[in-house]
Structures are given as C-alpha cells and as structure tokens.
C-alpha atoms as a PDB file:
ATOM      1  CA  MET A   1      12.500  11.424 -22.136  1.00  0.00           C
ATOM      2  CA  LEU A   2      10.434   8.594 -20.698  1.00  0.00           C
ATOM      3  CA  GLU A   3      12.389   6.374 -18.342  1.00  0.00           C
ATOM      4  CA  PRO A   4      12.913   2.749 -19.489  1.00  0.00           C
ATOM      5  CA  GLU A   5      11.217   1.507 -16.321  1.00  0.00           C
ATOM      6  CA  LEU A   6       8.012   3.380 -17.147  1.00  0.00           C
ATOM      7  CA  LYS A   7       8.117   2.160 -20.729  1.00  0.00           C
ATOM      8  CA  HIS A   8       8.229  -1.385 -19.383  1.00  0.00           C
ATOM      9  CA  ILE A   9       5.358  -0.706 -16.980  1.00  0.00           C
ATOM     10  CA  ALA A  10       3.288   0.787 -19.813  1.00  0.00           C
ATOM     11  CA  ARG A  11       3.632  -2.437 -21.789  1.00  0.00           C
ATOM     12  CA  THR A  12       2.171  -4.445 -18.897  1.00  0.00           C
ATOM     13  CA  LEU A  13      -1.010  -2.362 -18.577  1.00  0.00           C
ATOM     14  CA  SER A  14      -4.280  -3.548 -20.049  1.00  0.00           C
ATOM     15  CA  GLU A  15      -7.952  -3.762 -19.221  1.00  0.00           C
ATOM     16  CA  THR A  16      -8.756  -6.599 -16.792  1.00  0.00           C
ATOM     17  CA  HIS A  17     -12.084  -8.091 -15.744  1.00  0.00           C
ATOM     18  CA  PHE A  18     -11.118  -7.711 -12.077  1.00  0.00           C
ATOM     19  CA  PRO A  19      -8.492  -5.543 -10.334  1.00  0.00           C
ATOM     20  CA  LYS A  20      -5.060  -7.049  -9.848  1.00  0.00           C
ATOM     21  CA  LYS A  21      -4.902  -5.431  -6.404  1.00  0.00           C
ATOM     22  CA  VAL A  22      -7.588  -4.600  -3.851  1.00  0.00           C
ATOM     23  CA  ALA A  23      -6.676  -2.327  -0.928  1.00  0.00           C
ATOM     24  CA  VAL A  24      -8.948  -2.849   2.078  1.00  0.00           C
ATOM     25  CA  GLU A  25      -8.993  -0.197   4.786  1.00  0.00           C
ATOM     26  CA  ILE A  26      -9.122  -1.999   8.133  1.00  0.00           C
ATOM     27  CA  THR A  27      -9.413   1.360   9.854  1.00  0.00           C
ATOM     28  CA  ALA A  28      -9.100   4.992   8.873  1.00  0.00           C
ATOM     29  CA  GLU A  29      -7.453   5.805  12.194  1.00  0.00           C
ATOM     30  CA  CYS A  30      -3.678   6.180  12.448  1.00  0.00           C
ATOM     31  CA  ASN A  31      -1.213   6.550  15.299  1.00  0.00           C
ATOM     32  CA  LEU A  32       1.236   8.693  13.268  1.00  0.00           C
ATOM     33  CA  ARG A  33       1.097  11.977  11.332  1.00  0.00           C
ATOM     34  CA  CYS A  34       3.484  11.211   8.485  1.00  0.00           C
ATOM     35  CA  SER A  35       4.739  14.213   6.543  1.00  0.00           C
ATOM     36  CA  MET A  36       4.048  12.652   3.119  1.00  0.00           C
ATOM     37  CA  CYS A  37       0.579  11.304   3.947  1.00  0.00           C
ATOM     38  CA  HIS A  38      -2.882  12.817   3.551  1.00  0.00           C
ATOM     39  CA  HIS A  39      -4.158  11.391   6.839  1.00  0.00           C
ATOM     40  CA  PRO A  40      -3.305  14.363   9.110  1.00  0.00           C
ATOM     41  CA  THR A  41      -5.595  16.630   7.048  1.00  0.00           C
ATOM     42  CA  MET A  42      -8.251  14.060   6.123  1.00  0.00           C
ATOM     43  CA  VAL A  43     -11.810  15.156   6.864  1.00  0.00           C
ATOM     44  CA  ARG A  44     -13.892  12.100   5.950  1.00  0.00           C
ATOM     45  CA  PRO A  45     -15.284  10.009   8.838  1.00  0.00           C
ATOM     46  CA  LYS A  46     -12.940   7.568  10.537  1.00  0.00           C
ATOM     47  CA  GLY A  47     -13.950   4.100  11.667  1.00  0.00           C
ATOM     48  CA  ARG A  48     -13.148   0.412  11.315  1.00  0.00           C
ATOM     49  CA  ILE A  49     -14.384  -2.043   8.724  1.00  0.00           C
ATOM     50  CA  PRO A  50     -17.228  -4.347   9.810  1.00  0.00           C
ATOM     51  CA  PHE A  51     -16.206  -7.983   9.523  1.00  0.00           C
ATOM     52  CA  GLU A  52     -19.301  -8.753   7.441  1.00  0.00           C
ATOM     53  CA  LEU A  53     -18.185  -6.260   4.799  1.00  0.00           C
ATOM     54  CA  TRP A  54     -14.796  -7.942   4.578  1.00  0.00           C
ATOM     55  CA  LYS A  55     -16.524 -11.343   4.386  1.00  0.00           C
ATOM     56  CA  LYS A  56     -18.623 -10.129   1.436  1.00  0.00           C
ATOM     57  CA  CYS A  57     -15.530  -8.888  -0.394  1.00  0.00           C
ATOM     58  CA  ALA A  58     -13.446 -11.963   0.434  1.00  0.00           C
ATOM     59  CA  ASP A  59     -16.176 -14.354  -0.718  1.00  0.00           C
ATOM     60  CA  GLU A  60     -16.367 -12.588  -4.071  1.00  0.00           C
ATOM     61  CA  MET A  61     -12.594 -12.497  -4.534  1.00  0.00           C
ATOM     62  CA  SER A  62     -12.293 -16.181  -3.670  1.00  0.00           C
ATOM     63  CA  GLU A  63     -14.847 -17.007  -6.335  1.00  0.00           C
ATOM     64  CA  VAL A  64     -13.699 -14.795  -9.211  1.00  0.00           C
ATOM     65  CA  ALA A  65     -10.018 -13.979  -8.558  1.00  0.00           C
ATOM     66  CA  PRO A  66      -8.395 -15.745  -5.570  1.00  0.00           C
ATOM     67  CA  GLY A  67      -4.949 -14.667  -6.785  1.00  0.00           C
ATOM     68  CA  THR A  68      -5.745 -10.965  -6.437  1.00  0.00           C
ATOM     69  CA  GLU A  69      -3.292  -9.123  -4.200  1.00  0.00           C
ATOM     70  CA  CYS A  70      -5.285  -8.041  -1.152  1.00  0.00           C
ATOM     71  CA  TRP A  71      -3.554  -5.188   0.660  1.00  0.00           C
ATOM     72  CA  PHE A  72      -4.702  -4.309   4.174  1.00  0.00           C
ATOM     73  CA  SER A  73      -3.805  -0.664   4.004  1.00  0.00           C
ATOM     74  CA  PHE A  74      -4.840   2.664   2.576  1.00  0.00           C
ATOM     75  CA  ILE A  75      -5.323   5.610   4.922  1.00  0.00           C
ATOM     76  CA  GLY A  76      -4.902   4.168   8.396  1.00  0.00           C
ATOM     77  CA  GLU A  77      -2.804   1.749  10.445  1.00  0.00           C
ATOM     78  CA  PRO A  78      -4.132  -1.847  10.459  1.00  0.00           C
ATOM     79  CA  LEU A  79      -2.373  -2.795  13.711  1.00  0.00           C
ATOM     80  CA  ILE A  80      -4.621  -0.364  15.572  1.00  0.00           C
ATOM     81  CA  GLU A  81      -7.164  -3.211  15.256  1.00  0.00           C
ATOM     82  CA  PRO A  82      -5.013  -6.333  15.779  1.00  0.00           C
ATOM     83  CA  GLU A  83      -7.830  -8.727  16.729  1.00  0.00           C
ATOM     84  CA  LEU A  84      -9.945  -7.672  13.775  1.00  0.00           C
ATOM     85  CA  LEU A  85      -6.932  -7.915  11.469  1.00  0.00           C
ATOM     86  CA  MET A  86      -6.171 -11.475  12.636  1.00  0.00           C
ATOM     87  CA  ARG A  87      -9.789 -12.488  12.137  1.00  0.00           C
ATOM     88  CA  ILE A  88      -9.808 -10.968   8.658  1.00  0.00           C
ATOM     89  CA  LEU A  89      -6.597 -12.761   7.691  1.00  0.00           C
ATOM     90  CA  ALA A  90      -7.881 -16.082   9.011  1.00  0.00           C
ATOM     91  CA  TYR A  91     -11.094 -15.775   7.027  1.00  0.00           C
ATOM     92  CA  GLY A  92      -9.233 -14.786   3.881  1.00  0.00           C
ATOM     93  CA  LYS A  93      -7.084 -17.892   4.103  1.00  0.00           C
ATOM     94  CA  SER A  94     -10.097 -20.092   4.884  1.00  0.00           C
ATOM     95  CA  VAL A  95     -11.786 -19.136   1.600  1.00  0.00           C
ATOM     96  CA  GLY A  96      -8.634 -19.588  -0.461  1.00  0.00           C
ATOM     97  CA  LEU A  97      -7.230 -16.097  -0.966  1.00  0.00           C
ATOM     98  CA  LYS A  98      -3.600 -16.505  -1.965  1.00  0.00           C
ATOM     99  CA  LYS A  99      -2.037 -13.072  -1.478  1.00  0.00           C
ATOM    100  CA  LEU A 100      -2.805 -11.358   1.818  1.00  0.00           C
ATOM    101  CA  TYR A 101      -0.490  -8.394   2.373  1.00  0.00           C
ATOM    102  CA  ILE A 102      -0.185  -6.034   5.371  1.00  0.00           C
ATOM    103  CA  ASN A 103       1.229  -2.514   5.066  1.00  0.00           C
ATOM    104  CA  SER A 104       2.086  -1.027   8.476  1.00  0.00           C
ATOM    105  CA  ASN A 105       4.191   1.658  10.106  1.00  0.00           C
ATOM    106  CA  GLY A 106       5.363  -0.947  12.625  1.00  0.00           C
ATOM    107  CA  MET A 107       5.073   1.182  15.764  1.00  0.00           C
ATOM    108  CA  LEU A 108       2.344  -1.046  17.241  1.00  0.00           C
ATOM    109  CA  LEU A 109       4.088  -4.318  16.396  1.00  0.00           C
ATOM    110  CA  THR A 110       4.948  -5.068  20.016  1.00  0.00           C
ATOM    111  CA  PRO A 111       6.815  -8.322  20.806  1.00  0.00           C
ATOM    112  CA  ASP A 112       3.615  -9.995  22.018  1.00  0.00           C
ATOM    113  CA  LEU A 113       2.164  -9.555  18.513  1.00  0.00           C
ATOM    114  CA  ALA A 114       5.168 -11.039  16.722  1.00  0.00           C
ATOM    115  CA  ASP A 115       4.148 -14.701  16.901  1.00  0.00           C
ATOM    116  CA  PRO A 116       0.461 -14.049  16.094  1.00  0.00           C
ATOM    117  CA  ILE A 117       1.496 -12.022  13.044  1.00  0.00           C
ATOM    118  CA  LEU A 118       3.893 -14.730  11.887  1.00  0.00           C
ATOM    119  CA  ASP A 119       1.130 -17.332  12.291  1.00  0.00           C
ATOM    120  CA  SER A 120      -1.642 -15.149  10.880  1.00  0.00           C
ATOM    121  CA  GLY A 121      -1.676 -16.414   7.319  1.00  0.00           C
ATOM    122  CA  ALA A 122      -0.334 -13.145   5.926  1.00  0.00           C
ATOM    123  CA  ASP A 123       1.883 -13.702   2.897  1.00  0.00           C
ATOM    124  CA  LEU A 124       3.755 -10.396   3.009  1.00  0.00           C
ATOM    125  CA  LEU A 125       4.452  -7.685   5.588  1.00  0.00           C
ATOM    126  CA  VAL A 126       5.648  -4.249   4.458  1.00  0.00           C
ATOM    127  CA  PHE A 127       6.817  -1.767   7.069  1.00  0.00           C
ATOM    128  CA  GLY A 128       7.183   1.895   6.109  1.00  0.00           C
ATOM    129  CA  LEU A 129      10.260   3.367   7.812  1.00  0.00           C
ATOM    130  CA  ASP A 130      11.741   6.010   5.482  1.00  0.00           C
ATOM    131  CA  GLY A 131      14.820   6.819   7.490  1.00  0.00           C
ATOM    132  CA  PHE A 132      17.913   5.333   9.112  1.00  0.00           C
ATOM    133  CA  SER A 133      18.806   8.019  11.646  1.00  0.00           C
ATOM    134  CA  PRO A 134      16.268   9.089  14.278  1.00  0.00           C
ATOM    135  CA  GLU A 135      16.285  12.586  12.759  1.00  0.00           C
ATOM    136  CA  ALA A 136      15.395  11.438   9.232  1.00  0.00           C
ATOM    137  CA  TYR A 137      12.916   8.797  10.409  1.00  0.00           C
ATOM    138  CA  GLU A 138      11.063  11.135  12.749  1.00  0.00           C
ATOM    139  CA  LYS A 139      10.895  13.911  10.147  1.00  0.00           C
ATOM    140  CA  SER A 140       9.011  11.519   7.854  1.00  0.00           C
ATOM    141  CA  ARG A 141       7.145   9.420  10.406  1.00  0.00           C
ATOM    142  CA  VAL A 142       5.922  12.170  12.692  1.00  0.00           C
ATOM    143  CA  GLY A 143       4.949  10.816  16.114  1.00  0.00           C
ATOM    144  CA  GLY A 144       6.993   7.651  15.695  1.00  0.00           C
ATOM    145  CA  ASP A 145      10.106   6.573  17.557  1.00  0.00           C
ATOM    146  CA  ARG A 146      12.916   5.248  15.377  1.00  0.00           C
ATOM    147  CA  ASN A 147      14.455   3.039  18.033  1.00  0.00           C
ATOM    148  CA  VAL A 148      11.135   1.514  19.070  1.00  0.00           C
ATOM    149  CA  VAL A 149      10.042   0.618  15.558  1.00  0.00           C
ATOM    150  CA  TYR A 150      13.465  -0.694  14.598  1.00  0.00           C
ATOM    151  CA  GLY A 151      13.412  -2.874  17.711  1.00  0.00           C
ATOM    152  CA  ASN A 152       9.930  -4.152  16.884  1.00  0.00           C
ATOM    153  CA  ILE A 153      10.865  -5.257  13.378  1.00  0.00           C
ATOM    154  CA  GLU A 154      14.255  -6.651  14.368  1.00  0.00           C
ATOM    155  CA  TYR A 155      12.504  -8.816  16.970  1.00  0.00           C
ATOM    156  CA  LEU A 156       9.981  -9.995  14.373  1.00  0.00           C
ATOM    157  CA  LEU A 157      12.798 -10.993  12.025  1.00  0.00           C
ATOM    158  CA  GLU A 158      14.580 -12.855  14.834  1.00  0.00           C
ATOM    159  CA  ARG A 159      11.391 -14.761  15.714  1.00  0.00           C
ATOM    160  CA  ARG A 160      10.785 -15.661  12.091  1.00  0.00           C
ATOM    161  CA  GLN A 161      14.289 -17.079  11.870  1.00  0.00           C
ATOM    162  CA  GLN A 162      13.856 -19.009  15.130  1.00  0.00           C
ATOM    163  CA  LEU A 163      10.510 -20.471  14.068  1.00  0.00           C
ATOM    164  CA  GLY A 164      11.619 -21.179  10.532  1.00  0.00           C
ATOM    165  CA  LYS A 165       8.358 -19.913   9.090  1.00  0.00           C
ATOM    166  CA  GLY A 166       6.385 -16.787   8.420  1.00  0.00           C
ATOM    167  CA  PRO A 167       5.628 -14.282   5.684  1.00  0.00           C
ATOM    168  CA  GLU A 168       8.056 -12.345   3.545  1.00  0.00           C
ATOM    169  CA  ILE A 169       9.109  -9.157   5.343  1.00  0.00           C
ATOM    170  CA  GLN A 170       9.952  -5.940   3.521  1.00  0.00           C
ATOM    171  CA  VAL A 171      11.078  -2.599   4.930  1.00  0.00           C
ATOM    172  CA  GLN A 172      10.198   0.376   2.778  1.00  0.00           C
ATOM    173  CA  PHE A 173      12.241   3.518   2.208  1.00  0.00           C
ATOM    174  CA  ILE A 174      10.511   6.351   0.355  1.00  0.00           C
ATOM    175  CA  GLU A 175      13.256   8.515  -1.056  1.00  0.00           C
ATOM    176  CA  MET A 176      12.810  12.214  -0.187  1.00  0.00           C
ATOM    177  CA  THR A 177      15.141  15.199  -0.066  1.00  0.00           C
ATOM    178  CA  HIS A 178      15.894  14.877   3.642  1.00  0.00           C
ATOM    179  CA  ASN A 179      16.601  11.129   3.692  1.00  0.00           C
ATOM    180  CA  ALA A 180      18.040  10.134   0.295  1.00  0.00           C
ATOM    181  CA  HIS A 181      21.599  10.180   1.659  1.00  0.00           C
ATOM    182  CA  GLU A 182      20.659   7.423   4.139  1.00  0.00           C
ATOM    183  CA  ALA A 183      19.412   4.857   1.616  1.00  0.00           C
ATOM    184  CA  GLU A 184      22.690   2.921   1.589  1.00  0.00           C
ATOM    185  CA  ASP A 185      22.992   2.685   5.392  1.00  0.00           C
ATOM    186  CA  PHE A 186      19.291   1.794   5.644  1.00  0.00           C
ATOM    187  CA  SER A 187      19.658  -0.965   3.081  1.00  0.00           C
ATOM    188  CA  ARG A 188      22.767  -2.434   4.672  1.00  0.00           C
ATOM    189  CA  HIS A 189      21.188  -2.507   8.130  1.00  0.00           C
ATOM    190  CA  TRP A 190      18.080  -4.404   7.072  1.00  0.00           C
ATOM    191  CA  LEU A 191      19.661  -6.736   4.546  1.00  0.00           C
ATOM    192  CA  GLU A 192      22.017  -7.973   7.263  1.00  0.00           C
ATOM    193  CA  ARG A 193      18.974  -8.819   9.377  1.00  0.00           C
ATOM    194  CA  GLY A 194      17.115 -10.769   6.710  1.00  0.00           C
ATOM    195  CA  ALA A 195      14.567  -8.244   5.454  1.00  0.00           C
ATOM    196  CA  ILE A 196      13.925  -7.338   1.835  1.00  0.00           C
ATOM    197  CA  VAL A 197      14.564  -3.639   1.246  1.00  0.00           C
ATOM    198  CA  LYS A 198      11.967  -1.791  -0.827  1.00  0.00           C
ATOM    199  CA  LEU A 199      13.068   1.555  -2.264  1.00  0.00           C
ATOM    200  CA  ARG A 200      10.504   3.750  -3.993  1.00  0.00           C
ATOM    201  CA  ASN A 201       9.727   7.273  -5.087  1.00  0.00           C
ATOM    202  CA  MET A 202       7.400   9.550  -3.166  1.00  0.00           C
ATOM    203  CA  LEU A 203       3.733   9.753  -4.117  1.00  0.00           C
ATOM    204  CA  SER A 204       2.031  13.081  -4.685  1.00  0.00           C
ATOM    205  CA  TRP A 205      -1.297  11.619  -3.488  1.00  0.00           C
ATOM    206  CA  GLY A 206      -3.209  13.021  -6.425  1.00  0.00           C
ATOM    207  CA  GLY A 207      -1.169  16.234  -6.580  1.00  0.00           C
ATOM    208  CA  ARG A 208      -1.402  17.119  -2.871  1.00  0.00           C
ATOM    209  CA  PHE A 209       2.351  16.883  -2.298  1.00  0.00           C
ATOM    210  CA  ASP A 210       5.324  18.134  -4.277  1.00  0.00           C
ATOM    211  CA  THR A 211       7.719  15.453  -5.481  1.00  0.00           C
ATOM    212  CA  PRO A 212      11.032  15.690  -7.355  1.00  0.00           C
ATOM    213  CA  LEU A 213       9.598  13.623 -10.211  1.00  0.00           C
ATOM    214  CA  SER A 214       9.474  15.425 -13.547  1.00  0.00           C
ATOM    215  CA  ILE A 215       8.576  13.780 -16.861  1.00  0.00           C
ATOM    216  CA  ALA A 216       7.313  15.632 -19.911  1.00  0.00           C
ATOM    217  CA  ASP A 217       3.553  15.557 -20.529  1.00  0.00           C
ATOM    218  CA  GLU A 218       4.063  14.036 -23.974  1.00  0.00           C
ATOM    219  CA  ASP A 219       5.674  11.015 -22.297  1.00  0.00           C
ATOM    220  CA  ARG A 220       2.761  10.368 -19.966  1.00  0.00           C
ATOM    221  CA  ILE A 221       1.608   6.759 -19.621  1.00  0.00           C
ATOM    222  CA  ALA A 222      -1.653   5.283 -18.383  1.00  0.00           C
ATOM    223  CA  CYS A 223      -1.646   5.449 -14.596  1.00  0.00           C
ATOM    224  CA  PRO A 224      -0.574   2.064 -13.170  1.00  0.00           C
ATOM    225  CA  TRP A 225      -2.593   2.738 -10.012  1.00  0.00           C
ATOM    226  CA  ALA A 226      -5.775   3.422 -11.962  1.00  0.00           C
ATOM    227  CA  MET A 227      -5.278   0.402 -14.201  1.00  0.00           C
ATOM    228  CA  THR A 228      -4.584  -2.184 -11.506  1.00  0.00           C
ATOM    229  CA  GLN A 229      -6.090  -1.204  -8.146  1.00  0.00           C
ATOM    230  CA  LEU A 230      -9.463  -0.920  -6.448  1.00  0.00           C
ATOM    231  CA  HIS A 231      -9.736   0.621  -2.980  1.00  0.00           C
ATOM    232  CA  VAL A 232     -12.359  -0.129  -0.342  1.00  0.00           C
ATOM    233  CA  PHE A 233     -12.845   2.388   2.465  1.00  0.00           C
ATOM    234  CA  TRP A 234     -13.736   1.029   5.917  1.00  0.00           C
ATOM    235  CA  ASP A 235     -17.382   2.013   5.333  1.00  0.00           C
ATOM    236  CA  GLY A 236     -17.544   0.317   1.938  1.00  0.00           C
ATOM    237  CA  ARG A 237     -17.197   3.392  -0.262  1.00  0.00           C
ATOM    238  CA  ILE A 238     -15.082   3.005  -3.376  1.00  0.00           C
ATOM    239  CA  PRO A 239     -12.940   6.017  -4.353  1.00  0.00           C
ATOM    240  CA  ARG A 240     -12.024   6.580  -7.982  1.00  0.00           C
ATOM    241  CA  CYS A 241      -8.331   5.967  -7.293  1.00  0.00           C
ATOM    242  CA  PRO A 242      -5.808   6.179  -4.410  1.00  0.00           C
ATOM    243  CA  GLY A 243      -5.441   9.908  -5.040  1.00  0.00           C
ATOM    244  CA  ASP A 244      -9.114  10.330  -4.174  1.00  0.00           C
ATOM    245  CA  THR A 245      -8.411   9.862  -0.469  1.00  0.00           C
ATOM    246  CA  GLU A 246     -11.596  11.645   0.633  1.00  0.00           C
ATOM    247  CA  GLY A 247     -13.836   9.683  -1.741  1.00  0.00           C
ATOM    248  CA  ASP A 248     -15.016  12.871  -3.458  1.00  0.00           C
ATOM    249  CA  GLU A 249     -15.168  11.078  -6.799  1.00  0.00           C
ATOM    250  CA  GLY A 250     -16.357   7.673  -5.640  1.00  0.00           C
ATOM    251  CA  VAL A 251     -18.270   5.180  -7.749  1.00  0.00           C
ATOM    252  CA  GLY A 252     -20.432   3.376  -5.201  1.00  0.00           C
ATOM    253  CA  ASN A 253     -20.325   1.208  -2.120  1.00  0.00           C
ATOM    254  CA  ALA A 254     -19.208  -2.399  -1.646  1.00  0.00           C
ATOM    255  CA  TRP A 255     -22.192  -3.000   0.658  1.00  0.00           C
ATOM    256  CA  GLU A 256     -24.519  -2.393  -2.277  1.00  0.00           C
ATOM    257  CA  ALA A 257     -22.641  -3.726  -5.309  1.00  0.00           C
ATOM    258  CA  SER A 258     -20.071  -6.378  -6.134  1.00  0.00           C
ATOM    259  CA  LEU A 259     -16.425  -5.434  -6.480  1.00  0.00           C
ATOM    260  CA  MET A 260     -16.584  -6.524 -10.109  1.00  0.00           C
ATOM    261  CA  GLU A 261     -19.506  -4.194 -10.808  1.00  0.00           C
ATOM    262  CA  LEU A 262     -17.725  -1.324  -9.072  1.00  0.00           C
ATOM    263  CA  TRP A 263     -14.587  -2.046 -11.105  1.00  0.00           C
ATOM    264  CA  GLU A 264     -16.663  -1.995 -14.284  1.00  0.00           C
ATOM    265  CA  ARG A 265     -18.047   1.434 -13.358  1.00  0.00           C
ATOM    266  CA  LEU A 266     -14.478   2.739 -13.597  1.00  0.00           C
ATOM    267  CA  GLY A 267     -14.024   1.222 -17.051  1.00  0.00           C
ATOM    268  CA  THR A 268     -14.490   4.469 -18.991  1.00  0.00           C
ATOM    269  CA  TYR A 269     -11.950   6.148 -16.750  1.00  0.00           C
ATOM    270  CA  ARG A 270      -9.415   3.394 -17.408  1.00  0.00           C
ATOM    271  CA  GLN A 271     -10.171   3.500 -21.140  1.00  0.00           C
ATOM    272  CA  LYS A 272      -9.271   7.195 -21.250  1.00  0.00           C
ATOM    273  CA  HIS A 273      -5.973   6.337 -19.602  1.00  0.00           C
ATOM    274  CA  MET A 274      -5.213   3.537 -22.042  1.00  0.00           C
ATOM    275  CA  GLU A 275      -6.099   5.727 -25.038  1.00  0.00           C
ATOM    276  CA  HIS A 276      -4.021   8.611 -23.627  1.00  0.00           C
ATOM    277  CA  ARG A 277      -7.035  10.925 -23.557  1.00  0.00           C
ATOM    278  CA  PHE A 278      -5.555  12.553 -20.500  1.00  0.00           C
ATOM    279  CA  ASP A 279      -7.193  15.936 -21.100  1.00  0.00           C
ATOM    280  CA  GLU A 280     -10.577  14.237 -20.512  1.00  0.00           C
ATOM    281  CA  LEU A 281      -9.610  12.983 -17.056  1.00  0.00           C
ATOM    282  CA  PRO A 282     -10.784  14.595 -13.782  1.00  0.00           C
ATOM    283  CA  THR A 283      -8.998  17.760 -12.698  1.00  0.00           C
ATOM    284  CA  ARG A 284      -7.165  15.892  -9.942  1.00  0.00           C
ATOM    285  CA  CYS A 285      -5.507  13.696 -12.583  1.00  0.00           C
ATOM    286  CA  LEU A 286      -4.109  16.723 -14.398  1.00  0.00           C
ATOM    287  CA  GLU A 287      -2.131  17.734 -11.289  1.00  0.00           C
ATOM    288  CA  CYS A 288      -1.170  14.233 -10.213  1.00  0.00           C
ATOM    289  CA  LYS A 289       2.356  12.876 -10.661  1.00  0.00           C
ATOM    290  CA  ASP A 290       1.700   9.412  -9.274  1.00  0.00           C
ATOM    291  CA  TRP A 291       1.768   7.797 -12.706  1.00  0.00           C
ATOM    292  CA  MET A 292       5.480   8.748 -12.732  1.00  0.00           C
ATOM    293  CA  VAL A 293       6.347   6.847  -9.566  1.00  0.00           C
ATOM    294  CA  GLY A 294       7.168   3.568 -11.291  1.00  0.00           C
ATOM    295  CA  ALA A 295       7.849   0.211  -9.724  1.00  0.00           C
ATOM    296  CA  ALA A 296       9.639  -0.065  -6.408  1.00  0.00           C
ATOM    297  CA  LYS A 297      13.156  -1.463  -6.338  1.00  0.00           C
ATOM    298  CA  ARG A 298      13.530  -4.521  -4.106  1.00  0.00           C
ATOM    299  CA  ILE A 299      16.872  -5.704  -2.771  1.00  0.00           C
ATOM    300  CA  HIS A 300      17.021  -9.189  -1.265  1.00  0.00           C
ATOM    301  CA  PRO A 301      19.035 -10.015   1.858  1.00  0.00           C
ATOM    302  CA  ILE A 302      22.388 -11.708   1.979  1.00  0.00           C
ATOM    303  CA  ALA A 303      22.513 -15.505   1.885  1.00  0.00           C
ATOM    304  CA  GLY A 304      21.692 -17.247   5.125  1.00  0.00           C
ATOM    305  CA  HIS A 305      18.756 -15.027   6.152  1.00  0.00           C
END
C-alpha cells in the first residue's frame, strides 16, 4: 500500500519549464569514504568546477528562475575548495539567486571557516552526520571523526548565535540498520543546540545499494528526483538523474548548451515517469528504489535557539 507521504508527493509533481533544484558539483573529490555513497568506487574523472562554468549557469538561473534551489553538492565535498566555494556563493548572490544551499560532511569546517561561512551568502547549510555515537557515525562516515565534526558544527552554531545572523543550519541523519536506534539521542543533542534535525531514508543511488524500503510496483509514483532536479558535474556534463553518478546516460554539457535546453532534452524521460510508463525507462530505473525515499522529516529546535 502506497504511503500517504508518497501520495502527497505524487500530487505535487508536474512538468516544469526549468528544474526546481540544480545541484552543482564544486568538486568530485571527497575526504571521506561513506558506506552509503558511490564516491569510493567512482571511476569518472575528478576535478573542480571552473568559475566561468558556474558564472554561465548562475547568469542563466538569475534570468529565468532566480528562485531555483541551487545545491552545492553531488559527489564530492564542497569544503575541499573553500575559496572557490566562497567566490561562487558571492557571485550567486550578486546576480540575485535566492536559494544557495551547501551540503557538506562538516569535517573540514574548521573554526577559522565558521565566520566566512556565516557571512558567505549561503541560505542553508546541511551537514550529513548519520550517527550519534562514534561507532555509528564512523561506520557510516568512513574516515571521519565523530568528535571533530560535532565540535565543528557546535562551534558554528555558537558563532551564529553570538553574531545574530547566518544561514539556517540542518544536521542530517540517514536512517540505516546500524544507527536507527540513535535517532532520538541524535535529535535531542542537536535540537538543544539550535540546529534543525533532518531525518531521511537511505538512497539506493540508482539501485547500487540495498535499502529497507519496499513498496509494491503497482504503487510506484513518478520519481521526485527525476521530476525536479538537474545535476551539473564539475566538468559541465549533465547526467540523466542523481542515480547516474558516472554520467553514463548523460544528455549533454553545460559548456555547450543552456540549462533550460538540457532540461528539455530530459522531457521525454520525465513524461514517461508522469504517465507511469515505467517499463520504458532505462534499466537503471527498474532497479532503483529512490522514488520510494519520500520527503525528509525536519524537526525544529526548541524555543530560544
């Protein structure tokens, strides 16, 4: 039986002239080897986005859809390139982009970066933590140090409170078998410190990972990721969807075409989703469970933070 949450999501999906969300890969390098991420086995070239490519994308978004959510994340850690990230954020704000979001693992958010991040123009920071105890955190976020990253984010929250300004800060907990029992302690810890807690199901990354999600095929809905998001690799290539992490089924390059044109090239793919012609989708889609993930649950902090 289809969950009520997915039924609600299905009602919000429709064809749009421009993506509601654009994920821009600052770099394809990462400092961690997370157990639920494709990055450790990724074979495509790694590099960092040229500023001129970002400028081209930002100029177009500012003209046609300045309210588009622009996420600086995909496969890679944006804080590996802090100076480039700050320059990108500053330019985005200068041309009128209204929703600049950073998704980070937080390990490189040293105290000396706290004030620059808070002043950067970012509207939202999301830190993926996925564990409360060191054991659970480090099983998910391989190569990370629970106490270091917790200290980094706690300091950032303290500085935001002291300065009385800065972006919304969320800490994300992906529920998995080994950490689900810690969700309550995780939530309590961060809510007391003024962060918004984001709880969500695990992605299969286009069928690469097993997840506990199980919904009958006859209840399948159009994929929310396919219907709302466009992804830009650091070198400008556009994958078909976030499950296409290698770009094997890409539709072009942002150096050579506008984002709107590239979005239009995916129109037939989205139409098949909307018309529930799922058997006509690429093979990867037949194995993918990411349409089941649903919206994340967000819990806001206690009053006074």
